[in-house]
Amino acid sequence: MSGKTTGAAIINELFAVIESRKGGDPETSYTAKLFDRGRELIARKFGEEAVETVLAAVKDDRGEIAAESADVLFHLMVLWADAGLTPDDIWAQLEARRGTSGIEEKKSRKPA
């Protein structure tokens, strides 16, 4: 083993830090500022980062794709925390879909 932290462990550690920022000082914590400004801003920031990731992909810039993807994941986790979700809730959704064709899974969803 290389001693590197696994992806799941990093996600869980970061999520714990994000959760700890709820109710924190928005003057000293970017995450606390996001929570303080509400879900609409959090969702908007997530969307902005997703668009930046798409633009990096179109430019075929691996380093920028990686950096923007990290921003997407961070803002997504802030959104989860604001909505009362945890990574385990997301893992459960993914587990429930394991072994199911993406086409079949989409067909099984209720229409919006």
N, C-alpha and C. Protein backbone atom coordinates (compact mmCIF):
# COMPACT_ATOMS: atom_id res chain seq x y z
N MET A 1 0.83 -1.20 0.00
CA MET A 1 0.00 0.00 0.00
C MET A 1 0.87 1.25 0.00
N SER A 2 0.37 2.27 -0.64
CA SER A 2 1.14 3.49 -0.77
C SER A 2 0.95 4.44 0.41
N GLY A 3 0.01 4.15 1.27
CA GLY A 3 -0.26 5.05 2.38
C GLY A 3 -1.18 6.20 1.99
N LYS A 4 -1.61 6.23 0.73
CA LYS A 4 -2.52 7.28 0.29
C LYS A 4 -3.92 7.04 0.86
N THR A 5 -4.61 8.11 1.12
CA THR A 5 -5.99 8.03 1.58
C THR A 5 -6.88 7.68 0.39
N THR A 6 -7.83 6.80 0.60
CA THR A 6 -8.74 6.41 -0.49
C THR A 6 -9.69 7.55 -0.82
N GLY A 7 -10.26 7.47 -2.02
CA GLY A 7 -11.21 8.48 -2.45
C GLY A 7 -12.38 8.59 -1.50
N ALA A 8 -12.93 7.45 -1.08
CA ALA A 8 -14.08 7.47 -0.17
C ALA A 8 -13.70 8.12 1.16
N ALA A 9 -12.51 7.84 1.65
CA ALA A 9 -12.08 8.43 2.92
C ALA A 9 -11.92 9.94 2.78
N ILE A 10 -11.38 10.37 1.65
CA ILE A 10 -11.22 11.82 1.42
C ILE A 10 -12.58 12.49 1.37
N ILE A 11 -13.52 11.87 0.65
CA ILE A 11 -14.88 12.43 0.57
C ILE A 11 -15.48 12.53 1.97
N ASN A 12 -15.37 11.45 2.74
CA ASN A 12 -15.95 11.44 4.10
C ASN A 12 -15.28 12.47 5.00
N GLU A 13 -13.96 12.62 4.91
CA GLU A 13 -13.25 13.61 5.72
C GLU A 13 -13.67 15.02 5.34
N LEU A 14 -13.72 15.29 4.04
CA LEU A 14 -14.11 16.62 3.59
C LEU A 14 -15.55 16.91 3.98
N PHE A 15 -16.42 15.91 3.85
CA PHE A 15 -17.81 16.11 4.22
C PHE A 15 -17.93 16.46 5.71
N ALA A 16 -17.15 15.81 6.55
CA ALA A 16 -17.17 16.12 7.99
C ALA A 16 -16.74 17.57 8.24
N VAL A 17 -15.75 18.03 7.50
CA VAL A 17 -15.32 19.43 7.64
C VAL A 17 -16.44 20.36 7.18
N ILE A 18 -17.05 20.04 6.05
CA ILE A 18 -18.16 20.86 5.54
C ILE A 18 -19.27 20.94 6.58
N GLU A 19 -19.67 19.80 7.13
CA GLU A 19 -20.71 19.77 8.16
C GLU A 19 -20.33 20.63 9.37
N SER A 20 -19.05 20.61 9.72
CA SER A 20 -18.60 21.37 10.89
C SER A 20 -18.67 22.87 10.68
N ARG A 21 -18.78 23.29 9.44
CA ARG A 21 -18.84 24.73 9.13
C ARG A 21 -20.25 25.30 9.21
N LYS A 22 -21.26 24.42 9.31
CA LYS A 22 -22.63 24.92 9.44
C LYS A 22 -22.72 25.79 10.69
N GLY A 23 -23.28 26.97 10.53
CA GLY A 23 -23.41 27.89 11.65
C GLY A 23 -22.13 28.59 12.01
N GLY A 24 -21.08 28.36 11.22
CA GLY A 24 -19.80 29.02 11.49
C GLY A 24 -19.82 30.48 11.06
N ASP A 25 -18.69 31.11 11.24
CA ASP A 25 -18.55 32.53 10.94
C ASP A 25 -18.33 32.74 9.44
N PRO A 26 -19.29 33.35 8.75
CA PRO A 26 -19.14 33.57 7.31
C PRO A 26 -18.00 34.53 6.95
N GLU A 27 -17.50 35.24 7.95
CA GLU A 27 -16.38 36.15 7.70
C GLU A 27 -15.05 35.40 7.65
N THR A 28 -15.01 34.20 8.23
CA THR A 28 -13.74 33.47 8.29
C THR A 28 -13.77 32.13 7.56
N SER A 29 -14.94 31.72 7.09
CA SER A 29 -15.06 30.43 6.41
C SER A 29 -15.90 30.57 5.15
N TYR A 30 -15.31 30.21 4.00
CA TYR A 30 -16.04 30.23 2.73
C TYR A 30 -17.24 29.30 2.81
N THR A 31 -17.06 28.11 3.40
CA THR A 31 -18.15 27.15 3.50
C THR A 31 -19.28 27.70 4.37
N ALA A 32 -18.94 28.30 5.49
CA ALA A 32 -19.95 28.92 6.35
C ALA A 32 -20.68 30.02 5.60
N LYS A 33 -19.96 30.76 4.76
CA LYS A 33 -20.58 31.82 3.96
C LYS A 33 -21.59 31.22 2.99
N LEU A 34 -21.25 30.09 2.37
CA LEU A 34 -22.19 29.43 1.47
C LEU A 34 -23.46 29.03 2.22
N PHE A 35 -23.29 28.38 3.37
CA PHE A 35 -24.46 27.98 4.17
C PHE A 35 -25.29 29.20 4.57
N ASP A 36 -24.61 30.26 4.95
CA ASP A 36 -25.29 31.47 5.41
C ASP A 36 -26.12 32.10 4.29
N ARG A 37 -25.65 31.99 3.08
CA ARG A 37 -26.35 32.62 1.95
C ARG A 37 -27.46 31.74 1.37
N GLY A 38 -27.49 30.47 1.74
CA GLY A 38 -28.63 29.64 1.40
C GLY A 38 -28.45 28.73 0.20
N ARG A 39 -29.42 27.85 0.07
CA ARG A 39 -29.36 26.79 -0.94
C ARG A 39 -29.32 27.31 -2.37
N GLU A 40 -30.04 28.40 -2.64
CA GLU A 40 -30.03 28.92 -4.01
C GLU A 40 -28.61 29.29 -4.44
N LEU A 41 -27.87 29.97 -3.57
CA LEU A 41 -26.49 30.32 -3.90
C LEU A 41 -25.62 29.07 -4.00
N ILE A 42 -25.81 28.13 -3.07
CA ILE A 42 -25.04 26.89 -3.11
C ILE A 42 -25.26 26.18 -4.44
N ALA A 43 -26.52 26.07 -4.84
CA ALA A 43 -26.85 25.40 -6.10
C ALA A 43 -26.25 26.16 -7.29
N ARG A 44 -26.31 27.47 -7.24
CA ARG A 44 -25.74 28.28 -8.32
C ARG A 44 -24.22 28.06 -8.42
N LYS A 45 -23.55 28.03 -7.27
CA LYS A 45 -22.10 27.80 -7.27
C LYS A 45 -21.77 26.42 -7.82
N PHE A 46 -22.56 25.41 -7.44
CA PHE A 46 -22.37 24.07 -7.98
C PHE A 46 -22.51 24.10 -9.51
N GLY A 47 -23.54 24.77 -10.00
CA GLY A 47 -23.76 24.87 -11.44
C GLY A 47 -22.62 25.58 -12.15
N GLU A 48 -22.12 26.66 -11.56
CA GLU A 48 -21.00 27.38 -12.15
C GLU A 48 -19.78 26.48 -12.28
N GLU A 49 -19.51 25.72 -11.22
CA GLU A 49 -18.34 24.83 -11.25
C GLU A 49 -18.53 23.72 -12.27
N ALA A 50 -19.77 23.24 -12.42
CA ALA A 50 -20.04 22.20 -13.42
C ALA A 50 -19.79 22.73 -14.83
N VAL A 51 -20.24 23.96 -15.08
CA VAL A 51 -19.99 24.56 -16.40
C VAL A 51 -18.50 24.74 -16.63
N GLU A 52 -17.77 25.19 -15.62
CA GLU A 52 -16.32 25.35 -15.76
C GLU A 52 -15.64 24.01 -16.06
N THR A 53 -16.16 22.94 -15.47
CA THR A 53 -15.62 21.61 -15.75
C THR A 53 -15.89 21.21 -17.20
N VAL A 54 -17.08 21.49 -17.67
CA VAL A 54 -17.43 21.20 -19.07
C VAL A 54 -16.50 21.98 -20.00
N LEU A 55 -16.29 23.25 -19.72
CA LEU A 55 -15.42 24.06 -20.57
C LEU A 55 -13.99 23.54 -20.57
N ALA A 56 -13.52 23.09 -19.42
CA ALA A 56 -12.17 22.50 -19.34
C ALA A 56 -12.10 21.23 -20.17
N ALA A 57 -13.18 20.45 -20.16
CA ALA A 57 -13.23 19.21 -20.95
C ALA A 57 -13.19 19.52 -22.44
N VAL A 58 -13.92 20.53 -22.84
CA VAL A 58 -13.93 20.92 -24.25
C VAL A 58 -12.53 21.36 -24.69
N LYS A 59 -11.80 22.02 -23.79
CA LYS A 59 -10.42 22.45 -24.09
C LYS A 59 -9.44 21.28 -24.00
N ASP A 60 -9.91 20.14 -23.50
CA ASP A 60 -9.08 18.95 -23.31
C ASP A 60 -7.87 19.23 -22.41
N ASP A 61 -8.14 19.97 -21.33
CA ASP A 61 -7.10 20.34 -20.37
C ASP A 61 -7.26 19.46 -19.12
N ARG A 62 -6.51 18.37 -19.06
CA ARG A 62 -6.64 17.40 -17.97
C ARG A 62 -6.45 18.03 -16.60
N GLY A 63 -5.46 18.87 -16.46
CA GLY A 63 -5.22 19.51 -15.17
C GLY A 63 -6.38 20.38 -14.73
N GLU A 64 -6.92 21.14 -15.68
CA GLU A 64 -8.06 22.00 -15.36
C GLU A 64 -9.31 21.17 -15.11
N ILE A 65 -9.48 20.08 -15.85
CA ILE A 65 -10.63 19.20 -15.60
C ILE A 65 -10.55 18.66 -14.16
N ALA A 66 -9.38 18.23 -13.75
CA ALA A 66 -9.21 17.70 -12.39
C ALA A 66 -9.50 18.78 -11.35
N ALA A 67 -8.95 19.97 -11.56
CA ALA A 67 -9.15 21.06 -10.58
C ALA A 67 -10.62 21.46 -10.50
N GLU A 68 -11.26 21.61 -11.65
CA GLU A 68 -12.67 22.00 -11.66
C GLU A 68 -13.55 20.88 -11.11
N SER A 69 -13.18 19.63 -11.36
CA SER A 69 -13.94 18.50 -10.81
C SER A 69 -13.89 18.51 -9.29
N ALA A 70 -12.74 18.86 -8.73
CA ALA A 70 -12.63 18.97 -7.28
C ALA A 70 -13.58 20.06 -6.76
N ASP A 71 -13.65 21.18 -7.49
CA ASP A 71 -14.57 22.25 -7.10
C ASP A 71 -16.02 21.78 -7.19
N VAL A 72 -16.35 21.02 -8.25
CA VAL A 72 -17.71 20.48 -8.40
C VAL A 72 -18.05 19.59 -7.20
N LEU A 73 -17.14 18.68 -6.87
CA LEU A 73 -17.41 17.76 -5.76
C LEU A 73 -17.58 18.51 -4.45
N PHE A 74 -16.73 19.51 -4.20
CA PHE A 74 -16.85 20.29 -2.98
C PHE A 74 -18.22 20.95 -2.89
N HIS A 75 -18.61 21.67 -3.95
CA HIS A 75 -19.89 22.38 -3.92
C HIS A 75 -21.07 21.42 -3.89
N LEU A 76 -20.93 20.25 -4.50
CA LEU A 76 -21.98 19.24 -4.43
C LEU A 76 -22.14 18.75 -2.99
N MET A 77 -21.04 18.55 -2.31
CA MET A 77 -21.12 18.10 -0.91
C MET A 77 -21.71 19.17 -0.01
N VAL A 78 -21.43 20.44 -0.29
CA VAL A 78 -22.06 21.52 0.47
C VAL A 78 -23.57 21.47 0.24
N LEU A 79 -23.98 21.23 -1.01
CA LEU A 79 -25.40 21.10 -1.33
C LEU A 79 -26.02 19.92 -0.59
N TRP A 80 -25.32 18.77 -0.59
CA TRP A 80 -25.82 17.61 0.16
C TRP A 80 -26.05 17.98 1.62
N ALA A 81 -25.02 18.59 2.23
CA ALA A 81 -25.10 18.93 3.65
C ALA A 81 -26.26 19.89 3.91
N ASP A 82 -26.44 20.86 3.04
CA ASP A 82 -27.52 21.81 3.22
C ASP A 82 -28.88 21.13 3.11
N ALA A 83 -28.96 20.09 2.28
CA ALA A 83 -30.22 19.36 2.08
C ALA A 83 -30.41 18.24 3.10
N GLY A 84 -29.46 18.08 4.02
CA GLY A 84 -29.58 17.04 5.04
C GLY A 84 -29.19 15.66 4.54
N LEU A 85 -28.45 15.61 3.45
CA LEU A 85 -27.96 14.34 2.91
C LEU A 85 -26.53 14.11 3.34
N THR A 86 -26.10 12.85 3.30
CA THR A 86 -24.71 12.50 3.58
C THR A 86 -24.18 11.68 2.41
N PRO A 87 -22.87 11.52 2.34
CA PRO A 87 -22.33 10.63 1.30
C PRO A 87 -22.96 9.24 1.34
N ASP A 88 -23.26 8.73 2.53
CA ASP A 88 -23.88 7.40 2.63
C ASP A 88 -25.23 7.35 1.91
N ASP A 89 -25.96 8.45 1.91
CA ASP A 89 -27.23 8.49 1.18
C ASP A 89 -26.99 8.33 -0.32
N ILE A 90 -25.94 8.93 -0.79
CA ILE A 90 -25.61 8.85 -2.23
C ILE A 90 -25.08 7.46 -2.55
N TRP A 91 -24.22 6.92 -1.68
CA TRP A 91 -23.70 5.57 -1.92
C TRP A 91 -24.85 4.57 -1.98
N ALA A 92 -25.87 4.75 -1.13
CA ALA A 92 -27.02 3.84 -1.13
C ALA A 92 -27.75 3.91 -2.47
N GLN A 93 -27.88 5.10 -3.02
CA GLN A 93 -28.52 5.24 -4.33
C GLN A 93 -27.71 4.52 -5.40
N LEU A 94 -26.40 4.70 -5.35
CA LEU A 94 -25.54 4.04 -6.34
C LEU A 94 -25.59 2.53 -6.17
N GLU A 95 -25.59 2.07 -4.94
CA GLU A 95 -25.66 0.62 -4.66
C GLU A 95 -26.96 0.04 -5.21
N ALA A 96 -28.05 0.76 -5.03
CA ALA A 96 -29.35 0.28 -5.51
C ALA A 96 -29.37 0.15 -7.03
N ARG A 97 -28.54 0.93 -7.70
CA ARG A 97 -28.48 0.90 -9.17
C ARG A 97 -27.45 -0.08 -9.71
N ARG A 98 -26.64 -0.64 -8.82
CA ARG A 98 -25.57 -1.54 -9.25
C ARG A 98 -26.16 -2.71 -10.03
N GLY A 99 -25.55 -3.01 -11.17
CA GLY A 99 -25.99 -4.13 -11.98
C GLY A 99 -27.19 -3.83 -12.86
N THR A 100 -27.65 -2.58 -12.81
CA THR A 100 -28.79 -2.18 -13.63
C THR A 100 -28.28 -1.36 -14.80
N SER A 101 -28.74 -1.70 -15.98
CA SER A 101 -28.39 -0.92 -17.16
C SER A 101 -28.83 0.52 -16.96
N GLY A 102 -28.01 1.44 -17.40
CA GLY A 102 -28.38 2.85 -17.31
C GLY A 102 -29.66 3.14 -18.06
N ILE A 103 -29.87 2.48 -19.18
CA ILE A 103 -31.09 2.68 -19.95
C ILE A 103 -32.29 2.17 -19.15
N GLU A 104 -32.15 0.99 -18.54
CA GLU A 104 -33.25 0.44 -17.74
C GLU A 104 -33.51 1.30 -16.50
N GLU A 105 -32.46 1.78 -15.88
CA GLU A 105 -32.62 2.61 -14.69
C GLU A 105 -33.38 3.88 -15.04
N LYS A 106 -33.05 4.51 -16.16
CA LYS A 106 -33.75 5.73 -16.57
C LYS A 106 -35.22 5.45 -16.87
N LYS A 107 -35.51 4.32 -17.49
CA LYS A 107 -36.89 3.95 -17.80
C LYS A 107 -37.70 3.76 -16.52
N SER A 108 -37.04 3.32 -15.44
CA SER A 108 -37.76 3.03 -14.20
C SER A 108 -38.11 4.28 -13.40
N ARG A 109 -37.52 5.41 -13.74
CA ARG A 109 -37.79 6.65 -13.02
C ARG A 109 -39.18 7.17 -13.36
N LYS A 110 -39.79 7.76 -12.35
CA LYS A 110 -41.10 8.38 -12.57
C LYS A 110 -40.89 9.64 -13.39
N PRO A 111 -41.80 9.93 -14.33
CA PRO A 111 -41.67 11.17 -15.11
C PRO A 111 -41.79 12.40 -14.20
N ALA A 112 -41.02 13.41 -14.54
CA ALA A 112 -41.03 14.65 -13.72
C ALA A 112 -42.30 15.44 -13.91
